[in-house]
PDB file of N, CA and C in Angstrom:
ATOM      1  N   UNK A   1      -8.533   7.171  25.498  1.00  0.00           N
ATOM      2  CA  UNK A   1      -7.652   5.292  26.419  1.00  0.00           C
ATOM      3  C   UNK A   1      -6.227   6.295  26.132  1.00  0.00           C
ATOM      4  N   UNK A   2      -5.745   5.434  26.881  1.00  0.00           N
ATOM      5  CA  UNK A   2      -4.239   6.101  27.585  1.00  0.00           C
ATOM      6  C   UNK A   2      -3.117   4.784  26.610  1.00  0.00           C
ATOM      7  N   UNK A   3      -2.205   5.205  26.299  1.00  0.00           N
ATOM      8  CA  UNK A   3      -1.180   4.972  25.449  1.00  0.00           C
ATOM      9  C   UNK A   3      -0.317   4.302  26.899  1.00  0.00           C
ATOM     10  N   UNK A   4      -0.270   3.411  25.601  1.00  0.00           N
ATOM     11  CA  UNK A   4       0.682   2.795  26.955  1.00  0.00           C
ATOM     12  C   UNK A   4       1.959   1.802  26.193  1.00  0.00           C
ATOM     13  N   UNK A   5       3.088   1.156  26.277  1.00  0.00           N
ATOM     14  CA  UNK A   5       3.565   0.321  25.646  1.00  0.00           C
ATOM     15  C   UNK A   5       2.745  -1.032  25.007  1.00  0.00           C
ATOM     16  N   UNK A   6       3.507  -1.661  24.185  1.00  0.00           N
ATOM     17  CA  UNK A   6       2.682  -2.803  23.183  1.00  0.00           C
ATOM     18  C   UNK A   6       2.171  -2.354  22.622  1.00  0.00           C
ATOM     19  N   UNK A   7       1.186  -1.141  22.505  1.00  0.00           N
ATOM     20  CA  UNK A   7       0.513  -0.774  21.817  1.00  0.00           C
ATOM     21  C   UNK A   7       0.299  -0.177  20.347  1.00  0.00           C
ATOM     22  N   UNK A   8      -0.316  -0.918  18.967  1.00  0.00           N
ATOM     23  CA  UNK A   8      -0.308  -1.103  17.985  1.00  0.00           C
ATOM     24  C   UNK A   8      -0.856   0.720  17.424  1.00  0.00           C
ATOM     25  N   UNK A   9      -0.461   1.251  17.068  1.00  0.00           N
ATOM     26  CA  UNK A   9      -0.642   2.708  16.613  1.00  0.00           C
ATOM     27  C   UNK A   9      -1.142   2.709  14.521  1.00  0.00           C
ATOM     28  N   UNK A  10      -1.578   3.816  14.271  1.00  0.00           N
ATOM     29  CA  UNK A  10      -1.142   4.507  12.588  1.00  0.00           C
ATOM     30  C   UNK A  10      -0.875   5.468  12.685  1.00  0.00           C
ATOM     31  N   UNK A  11      -0.154   5.622  12.113  1.00  0.00           N
ATOM     32  CA  UNK A  11       0.346   8.017  12.297  1.00  0.00           C
ATOM     33  C   UNK A  11      -0.217   7.875  11.242  1.00  0.00           C
ATOM     34  N   UNK A  12      -1.260   9.392  11.481  1.00  0.00           N
ATOM     35  CA  UNK A  12      -1.980  10.042  10.482  1.00  0.00           C
ATOM     36  C   UNK A  12      -1.173  11.553  10.357  1.00  0.00           C
ATOM     37  N   UNK A  13      -0.045  11.451  10.371  1.00  0.00           N
ATOM     38  CA  UNK A  13       0.681  12.679  10.020  1.00  0.00           C
ATOM     39  C   UNK A  13       2.495  12.264   9.734  1.00  0.00           C
ATOM     40  N   UNK A  14       2.715  12.848   9.156  1.00  0.00           N
ATOM     41  CA  UNK A  14       4.324  13.091   8.990  1.00  0.00           C
ATOM     42  C   UNK A  14       4.316  12.227   7.256  1.00  0.00           C
ATOM     43  N   UNK A  15       5.490  12.272   7.474  1.00  0.00           N
ATOM     44  CA  UNK A  15       6.044  11.210   6.174  1.00  0.00           C
ATOM     45  C   UNK A  15       5.664   9.857   6.436  1.00  0.00           C
ATOM     46  N   UNK A  16       5.752   9.472   7.669  1.00  0.00           N
ATOM     47  CA  UNK A  16       5.432   7.935   7.573  1.00  0.00           C
ATOM     48  C   UNK A  16       3.164   7.330   8.104  1.00  0.00           C
ATOM     49  N   UNK A  17       2.968   8.980   7.651  1.00  0.00           N
ATOM     50  CA  UNK A  17       1.391   8.311   7.433  1.00  0.00           C
ATOM     51  C   UNK A  17       0.822   7.198   6.942  1.00  0.00           C
ATOM     52  N   UNK A  18      -0.157   7.046   7.576  1.00  0.00           N
ATOM     53  CA  UNK A  18      -0.503   5.387   7.277  1.00  0.00           C
ATOM     54  C   UNK A  18      -0.197   4.637   7.223  1.00  0.00           C
ATOM     55  N   UNK A  19       1.050   4.053   8.265  1.00  0.00           N
ATOM     56  CA  UNK A  19       2.151   3.129   8.758  1.00  0.00           C
ATOM     57  C   UNK A  19       1.498   2.627  10.281  1.00  0.00           C
ATOM     58  N   UNK A  20       1.561   1.090   9.721  1.00  0.00           N
ATOM     59  CA  UNK A  20       1.253   1.054  11.619  1.00  0.00           C
ATOM     60  C   UNK A  20       2.388   0.721  11.990  1.00  0.00           C
ATOM     61  N   UNK A  21       2.547   0.744  14.059  1.00  0.00           N
ATOM     62  CA  UNK A  21       3.790   1.255  14.793  1.00  0.00           C
ATOM     63  C   UNK A  21       3.542   0.568  15.930  1.00  0.00           C
ATOM     64  N   UNK A  22       4.845   0.059  16.704  1.00  0.00           N
ATOM     65  CA  UNK A  22       4.400  -0.120  17.961  1.00  0.00           C
ATOM     66  C   UNK A  22       4.852   1.049  19.315  1.00  0.00           C
ATOM     67  N   UNK A  23       4.105   1.161  20.097  1.00  0.00           N
ATOM     68  CA  UNK A  23       5.078   2.214  20.638  1.00  0.00           C
ATOM     69  C   UNK A  23       5.695   0.803  22.400  1.00  0.00           C
ATOM     70  N   UNK A  24       7.345   1.966  21.713  1.00  0.00           N
ATOM     71  CA  UNK A  24       7.686   0.484  22.878  1.00  0.00           C
ATOM     72  C   UNK A  24       7.933   1.411  24.101  1.00  0.00           C
ATOM     73  N   UNK A  25       7.570   2.802  24.184  1.00  0.00           N
ATOM     74  CA  UNK A  25       8.030   3.852  25.133  1.00  0.00           C
ATOM     75  C   UNK A  25       7.613   5.104  25.064  1.00  0.00           C
ATOM     76  N   UNK A  26       7.118   5.731  25.865  1.00  0.00           N
ATOM     77  CA  UNK A  26       5.845   6.528  26.699  1.00  0.00           C
ATOM     78  C   UNK A  26       7.326   7.777  27.308  1.00  0.00           C
ATOM     79  N   UNK A  27       6.513   9.019  27.584  1.00  0.00           N
ATOM     80  CA  UNK A  27       7.252  10.084  28.628  1.00  0.00           C
ATOM     81  C   UNK A  27       5.965  11.219  28.689  1.00  0.00           C
ATOM     82  N   UNK A  28       5.979  11.443  28.864  1.00  0.00           N
ATOM     83  CA  UNK A  28       5.231  12.611  29.404  1.00  0.00           C
ATOM     84  C   UNK A  28       4.592  13.558  28.422  1.00  0.00           C
ATOM     85  N   UNK A  29       5.871  13.978  27.269  1.00  0.00           N
ATOM     86  CA  UNK A  29       4.838  15.202  26.350  1.00  0.00           C
ATOM     87  C   UNK A  29       5.068  14.051  24.883  1.00  0.00           C
ATOM     88  N   UNK A  30       5.298  12.616  24.986  1.00  0.00           N
ATOM     89  CA  UNK A  30       5.655  12.044  23.158  1.00  0.00           C
ATOM     90  C   UNK A  30       6.223  10.799  22.778  1.00  0.00           C
ATOM     91  N   UNK A  31       5.480   9.446  22.613  1.00  0.00           N
ATOM     92  CA  UNK A  31       5.904   8.466  22.203  1.00  0.00           C
ATOM     93  C   UNK A  31       6.569   8.063  21.582  1.00  0.00           C
ATOM     94  N   UNK A  32       7.782   6.823  21.229  1.00  0.00           N
ATOM     95  CA  UNK A  32       8.404   6.268  21.610  1.00  0.00           C
ATOM     96  C   UNK A  32       7.803   4.830  19.931  1.00  0.00           C
ATOM     97  N   UNK A  33       8.078   5.021  18.815  1.00  0.00           N
ATOM     98  CA  UNK A  33       7.763   4.292  17.784  1.00  0.00           C
ATOM     99  C   UNK A  33       8.636   3.555  17.100  1.00  0.00           C
ATOM    100  N   UNK A  34       8.609   1.995  16.911  1.00  0.00           N
ATOM    101  CA  UNK A  34       9.659   1.659  16.756  1.00  0.00           C
ATOM    102  C   UNK A  34       8.793   0.945  15.453  1.00  0.00           C
ATOM    103  N   UNK A  35       8.945  -0.062  13.996  1.00  0.00           N
ATOM    104  CA  UNK A  35       8.267  -0.744  12.670  1.00  0.00           C
ATOM    105  C   UNK A  35       9.353  -2.069  12.535  1.00  0.00           C
ATOM    106  N   UNK A  36      10.707  -1.764  13.065  1.00  0.00           N
ATOM    107  CA  UNK A  36      10.936  -3.154  13.161  1.00  0.00           C
ATOM    108  C   UNK A  36      12.044  -3.008  12.067  1.00  0.00           C
ATOM    109  N   UNK A  37      11.911  -2.164  10.677  1.00  0.00           N
ATOM    110  CA  UNK A  37      12.533  -1.987   9.744  1.00  0.00           C
ATOM    111  C   UNK A  37      13.363  -0.433   9.407  1.00  0.00           C
ATOM    112  N   UNK A  38      12.581   0.694   9.377  1.00  0.00           N
ATOM    113  CA  UNK A  38      14.062   1.287   9.545  1.00  0.00           C
ATOM    114  C   UNK A  38      13.728   2.289  10.828  1.00  0.00           C
ATOM    115  N   UNK A  39      13.503   1.394  12.130  1.00  0.00           N
ATOM    116  CA  UNK A  39      13.006   2.613  12.967  1.00  0.00           C
ATOM    117  C   UNK A  39      12.873   1.036  14.050  1.00  0.00           C
ATOM    118  N   UNK A  40      14.187   0.839  14.676  1.00  0.00           N
ATOM    119  CA  UNK A  40      14.637  -0.528  15.191  1.00  0.00           C
ATOM    120  C   UNK A  40      13.129  -0.556  16.651  1.00  0.00           C
ATOM    121  N   UNK A  41      13.726  -1.438  17.783  1.00  0.00           N
ATOM    122  CA  UNK A  41      13.408  -1.457  19.092  1.00  0.00           C
ATOM    123  C   UNK A  41      14.367  -0.315  19.916  1.00  0.00           C
ATOM    124  N   UNK A  42      15.694  -0.258  19.099  1.00  0.00           N
ATOM    125  CA  UNK A  42      16.689   0.106  19.878  1.00  0.00           C
ATOM    126  C   UNK A  42      16.551   1.571  19.767  1.00  0.00           C
ATOM    127  N   UNK A  43      16.398   1.979  18.767  1.00  0.00           N
ATOM    128  CA  UNK A  43      16.374   3.691  18.002  1.00  0.00           C
ATOM    129  C   UNK A  43      14.940   3.673  17.050  1.00  0.00           C
ATOM    130  N   UNK A  44      14.495   4.018  18.567  1.00  0.00           N
ATOM    131  CA  UNK A  44      12.358   4.062  17.811  1.00  0.00           C
ATOM    132  C   UNK A  44      12.487   5.956  17.437  1.00  0.00           C
ATOM    133  N   UNK A  45      11.199   5.880  17.203  1.00  0.00           N
ATOM    134  CA  UNK A  45      11.103   7.157  17.030  1.00  0.00           C
ATOM    135  C   UNK A  45      10.448   7.954  17.216  1.00  0.00           C
ATOM    136  N   UNK A  46      10.699   9.146  17.904  1.00  0.00           N
ATOM    137  CA  UNK A  46       9.814   9.998  18.737  1.00  0.00           C
ATOM    138  C   UNK A  46       8.773  10.989  17.679  1.00  0.00           C
ATOM    139  N   UNK A  47       8.007  11.167  18.740  1.00  0.00           N
ATOM    140  CA  UNK A  47       6.479  11.477  18.121  1.00  0.00           C
ATOM    141  C   UNK A  47       5.234  12.120  18.914  1.00  0.00           C
ATOM    142  N   UNK A  48       4.195  13.025  17.922  1.00  0.00           N
ATOM    143  CA  UNK A  48       2.940  13.536  19.185  1.00  0.00           C
ATOM    144  C   UNK A  48       2.720  12.333  18.748  1.00  0.00           C
ATOM    145  N   UNK A  49       1.624  12.759  20.365  1.00  0.00           N
ATOM    146  CA  UNK A  49       0.727  11.081  20.348  1.00  0.00           C
ATOM    147  C   UNK A  49      -0.423  11.936  19.608  1.00  0.00           C
ATOM    148  N   UNK A  50      -0.924  13.210  19.704  1.00  0.00           N
ATOM    149  CA  UNK A  50      -2.143  13.610  18.656  1.00  0.00           C
ATOM    150  C   UNK A  50      -1.995  12.973  17.019  1.00  0.00           C
ATOM    151  N   UNK A  51      -0.595  12.514  17.125  1.00  0.00           N
ATOM    152  CA  UNK A  51      -0.369  12.447  15.141  1.00  0.00           C
ATOM    153  C   UNK A  51      -0.632  10.499  15.290  1.00  0.00           C
ATOM    154  N   UNK A  52      -1.153   9.612  15.615  1.00  0.00           N
ATOM    155  CA  UNK A  52      -1.048   8.753  15.879  1.00  0.00           C
ATOM    156  C   UNK A  52      -2.780   8.223  16.166  1.00  0.00           C
ATOM    157  N   UNK A  53      -3.009   6.972  15.539  1.00  0.00           N
ATOM    158  CA  UNK A  53      -4.607   6.471  16.014  1.00  0.00           C
ATOM    159  C   UNK A  53      -4.121   5.652  16.399  1.00  0.00           C
ATOM    160  N   UNK A  54      -4.954   4.784  17.697  1.00  0.00           N
ATOM    161  CA  UNK A  54      -4.843   4.059  18.043  1.00  0.00           C
ATOM    162  C   UNK A  54      -5.695   2.511  17.653  1.00  0.00           C
ATOM    163  N   UNK A  55      -4.964   1.341  17.340  1.00  0.00           N
ATOM    164  CA  UNK A  55      -5.348   0.422  17.295  1.00  0.00           C
ATOM    165  C   UNK A  55      -6.092  -0.452  18.417  1.00  0.00           C
ATOM    166  N   UNK A  56      -6.872  -1.596  18.687  1.00  0.00           N
ATOM    167  CA  UNK A  56      -7.202  -2.060  19.603  1.00  0.00           C
ATOM    168  C   UNK A  56      -6.465  -3.263  19.962  1.00  0.00           C
ATOM    169  N   UNK A  57      -5.238  -3.453  19.758  1.00  0.00           N
ATOM    170  CA  UNK A  57      -4.738  -4.737  19.529  1.00  0.00           C
ATOM    171  C   UNK A  57      -3.250  -3.729  20.656  1.00  0.00           C
ATOM    172  N   UNK A  58      -2.582  -4.515  21.633  1.00  0.00           N
ATOM    173  CA  UNK A  58      -1.297  -4.398  22.185  1.00  0.00           C
ATOM    174  C   UNK A  58      -0.998  -5.755  22.407  1.00  0.00           C
ATOM    175  N   UNK A  59       0.398  -5.787  21.803  1.00  0.00           N
ATOM    176  CA  UNK A  59       1.815  -6.717  22.056  1.00  0.00           C
ATOM    177  C   UNK A  59       2.331  -6.381  22.794  1.00  0.00           C
ATOM    178  N   UNK A  60       3.262  -8.242  23.434  1.00  0.00           N
ATOM    179  CA  UNK A  60       3.674  -8.042  24.737  1.00  0.00           C
ATOM    180  C   UNK A  60       5.388  -8.032  24.054  1.00  0.00           C
ATOM    181  N   UNK A  61       6.078  -6.660  24.174  1.00  0.00           N
ATOM    182  CA  UNK A  61       7.257  -6.120  23.463  1.00  0.00           C
ATOM    183  C   UNK A  61       8.433  -7.183  24.309  1.00  0.00           C
ATOM    184  N   UNK A  62       8.081  -7.905  25.440  1.00  0.00           N
ATOM    185  CA  UNK A  62       9.165  -8.286  26.131  1.00  0.00           C
ATOM    186  C   UNK A  62      10.090  -9.064  25.373  1.00  0.00           C
ATOM    187  N   UNK A  63       9.412  -9.931  24.839  1.00  0.00           N
ATOM    188  CA  UNK A  63      10.735 -11.523  24.002  1.00  0.00           C
ATOM    189  C   UNK A  63      10.610 -10.811  22.527  1.00  0.00           C
ATOM    190  N   UNK A  64      10.219  -9.709  21.498  1.00  0.00           N
ATOM    191  CA  UNK A  64      10.099  -9.304  20.567  1.00  0.00           C
ATOM    192  C   UNK A  64      11.503  -9.096  20.392  1.00  0.00           C
ATOM    193  N   UNK A  65      11.916  -9.236  19.110  1.00  0.00           N
ATOM    194  CA  UNK A  65      13.149  -9.019  18.226  1.00  0.00           C
ATOM    195  C   UNK A  65      12.553  -7.657  16.696  1.00  0.00           C
ATOM    196  N   UNK A  66      13.778  -7.223  16.175  1.00  0.00           N
ATOM    197  CA  UNK A  66      13.264  -6.640  15.073  1.00  0.00           C
ATOM    198  C   UNK A  66      12.504  -7.130  13.556  1.00  0.00           C
ATOM    199  N   UNK A  67      12.963  -8.271  13.474  1.00  0.00           N
ATOM    200  CA  UNK A  67      12.734  -8.957  12.688  1.00  0.00           C
ATOM    201  C   UNK A  67      10.804  -9.752  13.267  1.00  0.00           C
ATOM    202  N   UNK A  68      11.153 -10.380  14.378  1.00  0.00           N
ATOM    203  CA  UNK A  68       9.315 -10.630  14.657  1.00  0.00           C
ATOM    204  C   UNK A  68       8.402  -9.219  14.618  1.00  0.00           C
ATOM    205  N   UNK A  69       9.012  -8.189  15.064  1.00  0.00           N
ATOM    206  CA  UNK A  69       7.772  -6.934  14.752  1.00  0.00           C
ATOM    207  C   UNK A  69       8.003  -6.489  13.320  1.00  0.00           C
ATOM    208  N   UNK A  70       8.301  -6.808  12.167  1.00  0.00           N
ATOM    209  CA  UNK A  70       8.520  -6.613  11.293  1.00  0.00           C
ATOM    210  C   UNK A  70       7.385  -7.259  10.799  1.00  0.00           C
ATOM    211  N   UNK A  71       7.310  -8.853  10.831  1.00  0.00           N
ATOM    212  CA  UNK A  71       6.583  -9.660  10.241  1.00  0.00           C
ATOM    213  C   UNK A  71       5.210  -9.579  10.834  1.00  0.00           C
ATOM    214  N   UNK A  72       5.163  -9.463  12.129  1.00  0.00           N
ATOM    215  CA  UNK A  72       3.766  -9.216  12.770  1.00  0.00           C
ATOM    216  C   UNK A  72       3.007  -7.691  12.913  1.00  0.00           C
ATOM    217  N   UNK A  73       3.829  -6.455  12.031  1.00  0.00           N
ATOM    218  CA  UNK A  73       3.494  -5.578  11.168  1.00  0.00           C
ATOM    219  C   UNK A  73       3.179  -5.749  10.175  1.00  0.00           C
ATOM    220  N   UNK A  74       3.393  -6.372   9.320  1.00  0.00           N
ATOM    221  CA  UNK A  74       3.270  -6.963   8.025  1.00  0.00           C
ATOM    222  C   UNK A  74       1.833  -7.516   7.908  1.00  0.00           C
ATOM    223  N   UNK A  75       1.920  -8.728   8.578  1.00  0.00           N
ATOM    224  CA  UNK A  75       0.714  -9.575   9.139  1.00  0.00           C
ATOM    225  C   UNK A  75      -0.191  -8.366   9.633  1.00  0.00           C
ATOM    226  N   UNK A  76      -0.517  -7.635   9.926  1.00  0.00           N
ATOM    227  CA  UNK A  76      -1.254  -7.255  11.171  1.00  0.00           C
ATOM    228  C   UNK A  76      -2.213  -6.116   9.896  1.00  0.00           C
ATOM    229  N   UNK A  77      -0.859  -5.535   8.531  1.00  0.00           N
ATOM    230  CA  UNK A  77      -1.400  -5.104   7.650  1.00  0.00           C
ATOM    231  C   UNK A  77      -1.995  -5.017   6.593  1.00  0.00           C
ATOM    232  N   UNK A  78      -1.918  -6.373   6.568  1.00  0.00           N
ATOM    233  CA  UNK A  78      -2.264  -7.526   5.420  1.00  0.00           C
ATOM    234  C   UNK A  78      -3.889  -8.151   5.964  1.00  0.00           C
ATOM    235  N   UNK A  79      -4.751  -7.700   7.454  1.00  0.00           N
ATOM    236  CA  UNK A  79      -5.695  -7.479   7.943  1.00  0.00           C
ATOM    237  C   UNK A  79      -5.782  -8.531   8.579  1.00  0.00           C
ATOM    238  N   UNK A  80      -4.649  -9.982   8.985  1.00  0.00           N
ATOM    239  CA  UNK A  80      -5.162 -10.672   9.839  1.00  0.00           C
ATOM    240  C   UNK A  80      -4.435  -9.718  11.374  1.00  0.00           C
ATOM    241  N   UNK A  81      -5.222  -9.542  11.999  1.00  0.00           N
ATOM    242  CA  UNK A  81      -5.471  -9.266  13.116  1.00  0.00           C
ATOM    243  C   UNK A  81      -4.966 -10.117  14.801  1.00  0.00           C
ATOM    244  N   UNK A  82      -5.323 -11.245  14.365  1.00  0.00           N
ATOM    245  CA  UNK A  82      -5.202 -12.038  15.161  1.00  0.00           C
ATOM    246  C   UNK A  82      -3.357 -12.981  14.757  1.00  0.00           C
ATOM    247  N   UNK A  83      -2.572 -11.528  15.143  1.00  0.00           N
ATOM    248  CA  UNK A  83      -1.253 -12.536  14.861  1.00  0.00           C
ATOM    249  C   UNK A  83      -0.885 -13.167  16.682  1.00  0.00           C
TER     250      UNK A  83
END
């Protein structure tokens, strides 16, 4: 499956291992992730796509704020995947 903007992924390597993130941008070599707290939508983290696992969830990032992203990711992590 191709990585695309709005997908929710789980980091499997690095300091942020097992944390959920949303893809906010992609390029040829890297994906850029935001969690709304440490890495905002305006300042995403660059990560190698090999170090994440895809979930089956895609959100529309257009009208999303950092606060909304934090809340949605918290609910997602708690098991409420239908946010």
